[in-house]
Protein backbone atom coordinates (compact mmCIF):
# COMPACT_ATOMS: atom_id res chain seq x y z
CA MET A 1 17.54 -27.15 25.84
CA LEU A 2 15.57 -28.86 28.12
CA ARG A 3 14.18 -32.70 27.07
CA PHE A 4 11.63 -33.75 28.93
CA THR A 5 10.81 -37.62 29.71
CA PRO A 6 7.59 -39.18 28.85
CA ALA A 7 4.62 -37.67 30.99
CA GLY A 8 4.01 -39.05 33.98
CA THR A 9 7.40 -39.22 35.54
CA GLY A 10 7.97 -37.02 38.41
CA LEU A 11 10.41 -34.76 36.91
CA ALA A 12 8.54 -34.36 33.74
CA SER A 13 5.81 -33.44 35.19
CA ALA A 14 7.23 -30.92 37.60
CA LEU A 15 9.18 -29.00 34.59
CA CYS A 16 5.84 -28.92 32.50
CA CYS A 17 4.12 -27.35 35.37
CA LEU A 18 7.20 -24.55 35.80
CA ALA A 19 6.97 -23.78 32.22
CA THR A 20 3.17 -23.43 32.23
CA ILE A 21 3.32 -21.38 35.39
CA SER A 22 6.20 -19.12 33.69
CA THR A 23 4.06 -18.90 30.40
CA VAL A 24 1.14 -17.81 32.67
CA LEU A 25 2.85 -15.22 34.27
CA ALA A 26 5.16 -13.81 31.42
CA GLY A 27 2.66 -13.80 28.93
CA PRO A 28 2.43 -15.11 25.60
CA VAL A 29 6.16 -14.80 23.34
CA VAL A 30 5.82 -11.82 21.67
CA ASP A 31 8.55 -10.90 19.28
CA HIS A 32 9.01 -7.94 16.67
CA GLY A 33 10.26 -10.09 13.82
CA GLN A 34 10.23 -7.52 11.20
CA GLY A 35 12.51 -5.13 12.97
CA GLU A 36 11.67 -1.31 13.05
CA MET A 37 11.31 1.53 10.35
CA ALA A 38 11.31 5.17 10.24
CA GLY A 39 9.27 7.05 7.29
CA GLU A 40 8.85 10.47 6.04
CA VAL A 41 11.19 12.02 7.76
CA THR A 42 10.92 16.05 7.74
CA ALA A 43 13.12 18.69 9.33
CA SER A 44 10.60 18.20 12.48
CA SER A 45 9.13 14.89 12.35
CA VAL A 46 9.39 11.31 11.68
CA ILE A 47 6.53 8.14 11.50
CA LEU A 48 7.93 5.05 13.41
CA GLN A 49 6.41 1.43 12.83
CA SER A 50 6.99 -1.71 13.61
CA ARG A 51 4.84 -5.05 13.70
CA LEU A 52 4.49 -7.50 16.75
CA THR A 53 5.00 -11.15 15.82
CA ALA A 54 4.84 -14.66 17.03
CA GLY A 55 8.65 -15.29 16.42
CA SER A 56 10.91 -14.14 13.70
CA GLN A 57 10.77 -17.00 11.14
CA LEU A 58 8.39 -17.63 8.50
CA SER A 59 5.70 -20.43 9.30
CA ASP A 60 4.04 -21.99 6.33
CA GLY A 61 5.14 -18.90 4.19
CA ASP A 62 4.21 -16.00 6.46
CA LEU A 63 5.06 -14.42 9.81
CA PRO A 64 1.98 -14.48 12.26
CA GLY A 65 1.13 -11.56 14.48
CA ALA A 66 0.92 -11.37 18.12
CA ALA A 67 -1.30 -9.46 20.21
CA GLY A 68 0.36 -6.88 22.68
CA VAL A 69 1.46 -3.49 23.37
CA ALA A 70 4.33 -1.06 22.41
CA CYS A 71 5.78 2.12 22.40
CA PHE A 72 8.99 4.29 20.87
CA GLU A 73 11.43 5.80 22.57
CA ILE A 74 13.34 8.27 20.84
CA ALA A 75 16.53 10.51 22.00
CA THR A 76 19.69 12.45 20.94
CA ASP A 77 21.84 10.10 22.71
CA LYS A 78 22.64 6.46 22.27
CA ASN A 79 21.94 5.81 26.12
CA PHE A 80 18.42 7.45 25.98
CA GLN A 81 19.33 9.66 29.16
CA HIS A 82 16.79 12.01 28.18
CA ALA A 83 14.54 9.99 25.80
CA ARG A 84 10.78 10.95 24.71
CA GLN A 85 8.21 8.06 25.01
CA THR A 86 5.35 7.73 22.74
CA ASP A 87 1.81 6.74 24.10
CA TRP A 88 1.44 3.18 24.20
CA LEU A 89 -0.02 1.60 21.20
CA GLU A 90 -1.84 -1.85 20.87
CA ALA A 91 -0.98 -4.16 18.58
CA THR A 92 -4.62 -6.09 17.23
CA ALA A 93 -5.59 -8.33 14.44
CA ALA A 94 -7.51 -5.73 12.70
CA GLY A 95 -4.27 -3.56 12.09
CA ASP A 96 -2.35 -6.37 11.26
CA TYR A 97 -0.32 -6.52 14.52
CA ILE A 98 1.39 -3.00 13.38
CA VAL A 99 2.28 -0.40 15.56
CA LYS A 100 2.85 3.08 14.04
CA THR A 101 3.10 6.62 15.25
CA LYS A 102 3.98 9.85 13.99
CA VAL A 103 6.79 11.96 16.75
CA THR A 104 6.64 15.75 16.42
CA GLY A 105 8.74 18.31 17.73
CA LEU A 106 12.34 17.26 16.40
CA LYS A 107 15.03 19.34 15.66
CA PRO A 108 16.37 19.97 11.89
CA ALA A 109 19.56 18.19 10.77
CA THR A 110 19.75 16.02 14.23
CA GLY A 111 20.56 12.47 14.49
CA TYR A 112 18.29 10.49 16.39
CA TYR A 113 18.21 7.09 17.90
CA TYR A 114 15.18 5.42 18.62
CA ARG A 115 13.94 1.58 19.85
CA LEU A 116 10.74 -0.07 20.49
CA ARG A 117 9.48 -1.12 23.97
CA TYR A 118 7.31 -4.25 23.16
CA GLY A 119 5.53 -6.91 25.04
CA PRO A 120 2.07 -9.08 25.87
CA THR A 121 1.60 -6.23 28.60
CA ARG A 122 3.38 -3.20 29.63
CA GLN A 123 4.71 -4.95 32.76
CA ALA A 124 6.31 -7.36 30.61
CA ALA A 125 7.31 -4.85 27.92
CA GLN A 126 10.96 -5.11 27.11
CA ALA A 127 13.29 -2.87 24.89
CA GLY A 128 14.35 -3.94 21.27
CA PRO A 129 17.67 -2.74 19.46
CA VAL A 130 18.80 0.85 18.81
CA CYS A 131 17.93 2.09 15.75
CA SER A 132 18.82 5.67 14.25
CA PHE A 133 17.87 8.11 11.56
CA LYS A 134 18.71 11.89 10.87
CA THR A 135 16.20 14.66 10.48
CA LEU A 136 16.45 16.45 7.20
CA SER A 137 18.09 20.16 7.06
CA GLY A 138 15.30 21.98 5.79
CA SER A 139 15.29 24.77 3.33
CA LYS A 140 17.73 26.98 5.61
CA ARG A 141 20.74 24.83 5.99
CA SER A 142 23.14 23.72 3.27
CA ALA A 143 24.03 19.94 3.70
CA ALA A 144 25.95 17.14 1.76
CA THR A 145 23.21 14.58 1.09
CA GLY A 146 23.35 11.05 -0.17
CA PHE A 147 20.19 9.12 -0.81
CA VAL A 148 19.41 5.72 -2.71
CA VAL A 149 16.64 4.56 -5.08
CA VAL A 150 15.36 1.28 -5.97
CA THR A 151 12.05 -0.53 -7.73
CA GLY A 152 11.21 -4.05 -8.72
CA MET A 153 11.66 -6.15 -5.76
CA ASN A 154 10.32 -9.24 -6.83
CA TYR A 155 10.74 -11.74 -3.89
CA GLY A 156 9.52 -14.68 -5.87
CA PHE A 157 12.05 -14.17 -8.63
CA PHE A 158 15.06 -13.59 -6.40
CA HIS A 159 14.34 -16.52 -4.48
CA ASP A 160 12.87 -19.16 -7.09
CA GLY A 161 13.49 -17.89 -10.19
CA THR A 162 11.19 -16.91 -13.10
CA ASN A 163 7.69 -18.27 -12.65
CA GLY A 164 9.47 -20.53 -10.01
CA ARG A 165 11.55 -22.40 -12.73
CA GLY A 166 14.82 -21.44 -11.27
CA ARG A 167 15.83 -19.13 -14.35
CA ARG A 168 18.46 -16.14 -13.51
CA MET A 169 17.18 -16.55 -9.43
CA TYR A 170 19.65 -15.82 -7.04
CA ALA A 171 21.94 -18.58 -5.98
CA GLY A 172 24.37 -17.29 -3.03
CA PRO A 173 24.66 -19.01 0.26
CA ASP A 174 23.14 -15.66 1.85
CA LYS A 175 19.98 -15.78 -0.27
CA HIS A 176 17.84 -16.16 3.07
CA LEU A 177 19.15 -12.61 4.05
CA GLY A 178 17.37 -11.16 1.02
CA PHE A 179 18.72 -8.56 -1.79
CA PRO A 180 22.45 -8.06 -1.86
CA ALA A 181 22.13 -4.87 -2.97
CA LEU A 182 20.39 -3.79 0.62
CA GLU A 183 24.01 -4.40 1.99
CA SER A 184 25.71 -2.74 -1.13
CA MET A 185 23.76 0.47 -0.40
CA LEU A 186 24.12 0.27 3.40
CA ARG A 187 28.02 0.57 2.95
CA MET A 188 27.57 3.75 1.56
CA GLU A 189 25.43 5.20 4.61
CA PRO A 190 22.54 7.21 2.54
CA ASP A 191 20.82 9.75 4.51
CA PHE A 192 17.46 8.01 3.39
CA PHE A 193 16.15 5.23 0.96
CA VAL A 194 13.21 5.70 -1.76
CA GLY A 195 11.26 2.73 -2.79
CA THR A 196 9.29 3.61 -6.10
CA GLY A 197 6.94 0.91 -6.19
CA ASP A 198 6.83 -2.64 -6.87
CA ASN A 199 8.09 -2.93 -3.29
CA VAL A 200 6.09 -6.43 -3.25
CA TYR A 201 4.28 -8.45 -6.20
CA TYR A 202 0.92 -9.15 -5.56
CA ASP A 203 0.94 -11.33 -8.75
CA HIS A 204 3.74 -13.12 -8.70
CA PRO A 205 4.44 -16.17 -8.68
CA ARG A 206 1.28 -17.18 -9.80
CA PRO A 207 0.48 -19.80 -7.38
CA THR A 208 0.67 -17.28 -4.97
CA ARG A 209 -1.42 -14.28 -6.53
CA VAL A 210 -3.43 -12.71 -3.80
CA ARG A 211 -7.21 -12.32 -3.64
CA THR A 212 -7.64 -11.49 0.03
CA GLN A 213 -6.11 -8.68 2.45
CA ARG A 214 -4.41 -11.40 4.52
CA GLU A 215 -2.81 -12.66 1.02
CA MET A 216 -1.66 -9.35 0.75
CA ARG A 217 0.01 -8.70 4.00
CA ARG A 218 1.79 -11.91 3.89
CA LYS A 219 3.87 -10.42 0.76
CA TRP A 220 4.84 -7.76 3.05
CA HIS A 221 5.49 -10.21 5.64
CA GLU A 222 7.85 -12.30 3.77
CA GLN A 223 9.52 -9.52 2.36
CA PHE A 224 10.38 -7.29 5.57
CA VAL A 225 11.43 -10.67 7.60
CA GLN A 226 14.44 -10.85 5.60
CA GLY A 227 17.72 -9.97 7.60
CA ARG A 228 19.19 -7.57 5.02
CA PHE A 229 15.64 -5.36 5.39
CA ILE A 230 15.94 -5.27 9.07
CA GLU A 231 19.41 -4.22 9.36
CA PHE A 232 18.92 -1.65 6.51
CA PHE A 233 16.02 -0.12 7.82
CA SER A 234 17.35 0.06 11.54
CA ARG A 235 19.90 2.71 10.05
CA VAL A 236 18.58 4.54 7.29
CA PRO A 237 14.75 6.00 6.85
CA THR A 238 12.55 5.54 3.98
CA TYR A 239 10.15 7.09 1.68
CA TRP A 240 7.63 4.97 -0.17
CA GLU A 241 5.63 5.00 -3.46
CA LYS A 242 3.57 2.33 -4.94
CA ASP A 243 2.96 1.24 -8.20
CA ASP A 244 1.10 -1.61 -10.16
CA HIS A 245 2.28 -4.64 -8.55
CA ASP A 246 1.93 -3.27 -4.99
CA HIS A 247 -1.48 -1.82 -5.54
CA ARG A 248 -3.35 -4.62 -7.54
CA PHE A 249 -1.78 -6.45 -10.37
CA ASN A 250 0.29 -5.76 -13.69
CA ASP A 251 -0.40 -2.50 -15.10
CA CYS A 252 -3.43 -2.16 -12.88
CA ASP A 253 -5.52 1.15 -12.92
CA PRO A 254 -8.57 1.75 -10.17
CA HIS A 255 -11.21 0.76 -12.44
CA SER A 256 -12.36 -2.94 -12.41
CA PRO A 257 -12.35 -5.28 -14.52
CA ILE A 258 -9.97 -3.93 -16.62
CA ARG A 259 -6.68 -5.86 -16.37
CA GLY A 260 -3.08 -5.19 -17.36
CA ALA A 261 -1.86 -5.43 -21.12
CA HIS A 262 0.28 -8.41 -20.76
CA GLU A 263 -2.58 -10.74 -19.67
CA THR A 264 -2.19 -14.31 -21.28
CA ASP A 265 -4.39 -17.14 -21.97
CA ALA A 266 -2.95 -18.53 -18.69
CA ASP A 267 -3.83 -15.53 -16.84
CA ARG A 268 -7.55 -15.42 -18.49
CA ALA A 269 -7.76 -19.15 -17.10
CA ASP A 270 -6.51 -18.80 -13.53
CA PRO A 271 -9.54 -18.94 -11.38
CA ARG A 272 -7.56 -16.43 -8.90
CA LEU A 273 -8.07 -13.53 -11.39
CA ALA A 274 -12.01 -13.52 -10.83
CA GLN A 275 -11.12 -12.35 -7.21
CA GLN A 276 -8.84 -9.43 -7.66
CA PRO A 277 -8.40 -6.90 -4.63
CA SER A 278 -9.94 -3.82 -5.02
CA SER A 279 -8.41 -0.74 -5.69
CA GLN A 280 -9.49 0.66 -2.23
CA LEU A 281 -7.87 -2.40 -0.74
CA GLY A 282 -4.91 -2.10 -2.25
CA ILE A 283 -4.59 1.62 -1.04
CA ARG A 284 -5.43 0.77 2.47
CA THR A 285 -2.91 -2.15 2.54
CA PHE A 286 0.11 0.12 1.22
CA TRP A 287 -0.88 3.00 3.97
CA GLU A 288 -0.95 -0.05 6.63
CA GLN A 289 2.23 -1.68 5.65
CA VAL A 290 4.70 1.13 5.41
CA PRO A 291 5.16 4.42 7.25
CA VAL A 292 4.19 6.63 4.43
CA VAL A 293 1.08 8.51 6.10
CA ASP A 294 0.29 9.87 9.49
CA PRO A 295 -1.84 6.88 11.00
CA GLN A 296 -4.11 9.54 12.64
CA LYS A 297 -5.62 10.94 9.30
CA ARG A 298 -8.50 9.38 7.85
CA ASN A 299 -8.15 10.40 4.03
CA PRO A 300 -4.34 11.15 3.68
CA VAL A 301 -2.87 11.39 0.13
CA THR A 302 0.41 10.23 -0.83
CA TYR A 303 1.71 12.55 -3.15
CA ARG A 304 4.06 14.90 -1.01
CA THR A 305 7.01 17.07 -1.42
CA HIS A 306 10.24 17.40 1.09
CA ARG A 307 12.82 19.76 1.38
CA VAL A 308 15.87 17.85 2.14
CA SER A 309 18.24 21.05 2.46
CA ARG A 310 19.06 24.54 0.92
CA GLU A 311 19.96 22.74 -2.14
CA LEU A 312 17.57 19.96 -2.54
CA GLN A 313 13.88 19.31 -2.86
CA ILE A 314 12.07 16.19 -4.07
CA TRP A 315 8.56 15.53 -5.30
CA LEU A 316 7.17 11.83 -4.81
CA VAL A 317 4.03 11.51 -7.16
CA GLU A 318 0.90 9.27 -6.70
CA GLY A 319 0.47 7.22 -10.08
CA ARG A 320 -2.38 4.86 -9.46
CA ASP A 321 -5.13 6.28 -6.86
CA TYR A 322 -6.25 9.06 -9.38
CA ARG A 323 -5.34 7.63 -12.81
CA SER A 324 -7.92 7.46 -15.82
CA ALA A 325 -8.55 3.76 -16.99
CA ASN A 326 -5.65 2.43 -19.11
CA HIS A 327 -7.88 1.41 -22.05
CA LEU A 328 -9.57 4.93 -22.80
CA PRO A 329 -8.43 6.60 -25.67
CA ASP A 330 -5.33 8.87 -25.15
CA GLY A 331 -6.16 12.68 -25.13
CA PRO A 332 -7.07 15.73 -22.94
CA GLY A 333 -8.63 14.58 -19.59
CA LYS A 334 -6.85 11.06 -19.87
CA THR A 335 -4.77 11.28 -16.63
CA VAL A 336 -2.04 9.33 -14.25
CA TRP A 337 -1.92 11.92 -11.97
CA GLY A 338 -5.54 13.73 -11.68
CA GLU A 339 -6.25 17.28 -11.43
CA ALA A 340 -5.83 17.98 -7.85
CA GLN A 341 -2.03 16.59 -7.93
CA MET A 342 -1.33 18.16 -11.35
CA ALA A 343 -2.13 21.30 -9.61
CA TRP A 344 -0.48 20.87 -6.49
CA LEU A 345 2.75 19.56 -8.37
CA GLN A 346 2.87 22.53 -10.86
CA ARG A 347 1.96 24.77 -7.34
CA THR A 348 4.90 23.42 -5.59
CA LEU A 349 7.48 23.59 -8.11
CA LEU A 350 7.15 27.06 -8.77
CA GLU A 351 7.45 27.81 -5.21
CA SER A 352 10.71 26.11 -4.81
CA ASP A 353 13.88 27.84 -4.47
CA ALA A 354 16.09 24.62 -4.11
CA THR A 355 18.93 24.64 -6.48
CA PHE A 356 18.15 20.85 -7.50
CA LYS A 357 14.71 19.80 -7.92
CA ILE A 358 13.83 15.89 -8.46
CA LEU A 359 10.47 14.58 -9.15
CA ILE A 360 10.79 10.87 -8.26
CA SER A 361 7.78 8.70 -10.26
CA PRO A 362 6.88 5.37 -9.70
CA THR A 363 7.10 5.26 -13.86
CA PRO A 364 8.84 6.62 -16.38
CA MET A 365 8.08 9.75 -18.47
CA VAL A 366 10.80 9.71 -21.02
CA GLY A 367 11.83 6.27 -21.45
CA PRO A 368 11.80 4.65 -23.95
CA ASP A 369 9.59 1.75 -23.19
CA SER A 370 7.59 -1.45 -25.06
CA GLY A 371 5.22 -0.40 -27.72
CA THR A 372 2.65 -2.90 -26.45
CA LYS A 373 2.20 -1.00 -22.87
CA ARG A 374 -0.67 1.44 -22.32
CA ASP A 375 0.48 1.97 -18.62
CA SER A 376 2.64 4.91 -18.23
CA HIS A 377 3.31 8.55 -19.57
CA VAL A 378 5.66 6.94 -21.82
CA ASN A 379 3.30 4.43 -23.77
CA MET A 380 1.32 5.21 -27.08
CA GLY A 381 -2.10 5.07 -26.27
CA GLY A 382 -1.43 5.43 -22.88
CA PHE A 383 -0.88 8.60 -21.00
CA GLN A 384 1.36 10.84 -23.55
CA HIS A 385 -0.76 13.52 -23.85
CA GLU A 386 -0.59 14.59 -20.20
CA ALA A 387 3.40 13.83 -20.17
CA GLY A 388 3.37 16.16 -23.62
CA GLU A 389 1.40 19.18 -21.63
CA PHE A 390 3.60 18.56 -18.68
CA PHE A 391 6.96 18.96 -20.48
CA SER A 392 5.48 22.13 -22.17
CA TRP A 393 4.45 23.48 -18.97
CA LEU A 394 8.21 22.76 -17.64
CA THR A 395 9.77 24.55 -20.70
CA GLU A 396 7.31 27.31 -20.38
CA HIS A 397 8.39 28.23 -16.80
CA ASP A 398 12.00 27.57 -17.48
CA PHE A 399 12.70 24.46 -15.55
CA LEU A 400 15.51 23.37 -17.84
CA GLU A 401 17.36 26.75 -16.27
CA GLN A 402 16.44 25.21 -12.82
CA ASN A 403 18.03 21.89 -12.30
CA PHE A 404 14.77 20.02 -12.38
CA TYR A 405 15.52 16.38 -13.30
CA LEU A 406 13.01 12.95 -13.06
CA VAL A 407 14.10 9.84 -11.57
CA CYS A 408 12.16 6.91 -12.05
CA GLY A 409 10.96 3.32 -11.13
CA ASP A 410 9.49 0.39 -12.85
CA ARG A 411 11.35 -0.14 -15.83
CA HIS A 412 13.67 -3.14 -15.04
CA TRP A 413 16.70 -1.99 -16.72
CA GLN A 414 19.03 1.26 -15.94
CA TYR A 415 19.34 4.36 -18.13
CA HIS A 416 20.00 7.72 -18.30
CA ALA A 417 17.71 9.51 -21.08
CA VAL A 418 17.08 12.73 -22.48
CA HIS A 419 13.60 14.29 -23.44
CA PRO A 420 13.53 16.04 -26.87
CA SER A 421 12.50 18.93 -24.94
CA GLY A 422 15.82 18.61 -22.94
CA PHE A 423 14.87 17.06 -19.70
CA GLU A 424 16.62 14.29 -18.36
CA GLU A 425 15.62 11.24 -16.54
CA PHE A 426 17.53 8.55 -14.90
CA SER A 427 15.39 5.01 -14.36
CA CYS A 428 17.11 3.24 -11.04
CA GLY A 429 16.31 -0.41 -12.52
CA ALA A 430 15.08 -3.56 -10.47
CA ILE A 431 16.96 -3.94 -7.37
CA CYS A 432 18.43 -7.58 -8.11
CA ASP A 433 19.64 -9.47 -11.27
CA ALA A 434 16.91 -12.11 -11.01
CA ASN A 435 14.18 -9.19 -11.99
CA ALA A 436 16.28 -7.39 -14.42
CA PHE A 437 15.23 -7.23 -18.20
CA VAL A 438 16.85 -6.54 -21.45
CA ALA A 439 16.95 -2.75 -22.27
CA ILE A 440 14.71 -1.14 -24.58
CA ARG A 441 16.88 1.52 -26.61
CA PRO A 442 15.88 4.49 -28.49
CA GLY A 443 15.40 3.90 -32.38
CA GLN A 444 14.27 0.25 -31.25
CA GLU A 445 11.57 -1.41 -33.54
CA GLY A 446 8.46 -1.99 -31.53
CA SER A 447 9.36 0.41 -28.81
CA THR A 448 7.68 3.97 -28.10
CA ASP A 449 10.51 5.91 -29.83
CA PRO A 450 11.12 3.87 -33.08
CA GLU A 451 12.51 7.04 -34.56
CA ALA A 452 15.02 7.57 -31.92
CA LYS A 453 13.84 11.07 -30.59
CA ILE A 454 15.13 10.33 -27.34
CA VAL A 455 19.13 10.10 -26.41
CA HIS A 456 20.41 7.82 -23.98
CA LYS A 457 23.59 9.05 -22.39
CA TYR A 458 23.73 5.64 -20.62
CA THR A 459 21.75 2.21 -21.19
CA GLY A 460 22.34 -0.43 -18.67
CA ALA A 461 22.96 -3.86 -19.47
CA GLN A 462 20.81 -6.78 -17.83
CA THR A 463 21.80 -6.35 -14.38
CA GLY A 464 19.95 -5.60 -10.92
CA GLY A 465 21.26 -2.58 -8.89
CA PHE A 466 20.06 0.74 -7.79
CA LEU A 467 20.48 4.66 -8.23
CA HIS A 468 22.50 6.77 -5.79
CA VAL A 469 21.81 10.46 -5.66
CA GLY A 470 24.51 12.73 -4.12
CA VAL A 471 24.33 16.60 -3.54
CA THR A 472 27.50 18.48 -2.55
CA PRO A 473 26.88 22.10 -1.10
CA GLY A 474 28.68 25.07 -3.04
CA ASP A 475 30.83 27.97 -1.98
CA GLU A 476 31.80 31.20 -3.19
CA ASN A 477 34.29 29.56 -5.56
CA MET A 478 32.45 26.53 -6.74
CA PRO A 479 28.66 25.71 -7.54
CA ALA A 480 26.59 23.09 -5.52
CA GLU A 481 26.85 19.54 -7.53
CA LEU A 482 24.07 16.76 -8.01
CA GLU A 483 25.68 13.53 -8.73
CA PHE A 484 23.87 10.21 -10.11
CA SER A 485 25.55 7.18 -10.14
CA PHE A 486 24.38 3.61 -11.26
CA PHE A 487 25.55 0.73 -9.18
CA ASP A 488 25.05 -3.25 -9.71
CA GLU A 489 23.73 -5.27 -6.78
CA GLN A 490 27.08 -6.00 -5.32
CA GLY A 491 27.70 -2.13 -5.10
CA GLN A 492 30.02 -1.77 -8.32
CA LEU A 493 29.75 1.45 -9.77
CA LEU A 494 28.78 1.43 -13.73
CA TYR A 495 28.13 5.17 -14.47
CA ARG A 496 28.03 8.64 -13.41
CA GLU A 497 26.76 11.89 -14.37
CA SER A 498 27.52 14.94 -12.61
CA LYS A 499 25.46 18.16 -12.84
CA PRO A 500 26.58 21.72 -11.44
CA GLY A 501 24.01 24.10 -9.87
CA GLN A 502 22.99 26.78 -11.88
């Protein structure tokens, strides 16, 4: 490192001049401090994303963006001998300096390498590190598949404890790297990752509750600058859903000024609550910050289905954009999903011939949950009517015999539950111990199931972690197998359930 002598000396003046000339020639320092991310992988396409930044460390709690240009190079060989290059993209303040593009024309079941080429100008661009993903096999190919599911990525609780008081915060010397579960998941080499929502917390902790888009963006920056996220996303493609905390605030709906069921006197006295972000701003910021929709589409939807292989199809639903106001009486017409999404869901389920069908929901459909909430399909006074109609429809169309399962986020504890109709739900639980809650069990007083009509085959302890879902293809002697496995944040197996394909 150069150490300058006081201004006015010959050597210092010369060095300052050289530094100035170098900066002018090379342009401003441009980094990509949040790494790269691949999203919405199909059998033939992927969305690639990065963000140009001024450095790679937080400054005053944020990672500033940097204007510049970038493109992606993509190839099937690690040396990029026959690479494709996307169009050059401009990183601007209006788009939070994010560069994102959808790449099409890929081959099914194929491993790809990609890297970002970035800089202040095209002439000064440099290549970033090599990242990778694999395309889905699609409906015609059998494939062994493993993926991981998480929720509750509460940055504040992990780093500073509940409400900043230190209670249950992570205390390891590697805290700066982020959630240990990311490292545990990466060791399993999953084919993809599903974030079911609450990927950031706009309303936690109280002093940093967001009001503006700039504050919303900061929540994503502080999350994704952590080293374990960068390493994980460089090797594992992603699928994203949003829930209340990364839409607007706890238990939110699109209809201001109705707020969450758990609003306290302290919340009502907080002047920041008078300036809640709008539903549309929450929707647009989600589209912006993760690779979930084609950036060229003007009015995209975030409910979709992906045929992973001959054996597996997944559905990812949208639970915030189309819902009715939480405070309305439950009954016909009150909805989480909306009419169009429900029609799409039923149609695509009936069309599927996959051995295993998994609906991944940001919120639970079986539970049980707290009897005080009105936010989900589980809650009394919430959206139980729509849930009942859906379970009846599933039963009517014989989905109990078609290997249909539910996976959900939102709840801060892991469980394997069986609905009275027979359908089974696996809750992935919060990603870290700091954000894990004591489980609510069937038959518990004050719950949504005081009569214990739901059966829990597994109820997790107050621990963070993740859900791993694995599929093994069958042959003429053995049926295909679906396996659900719960792990704690250090990667210790807690529970496993296997399901043969019928």
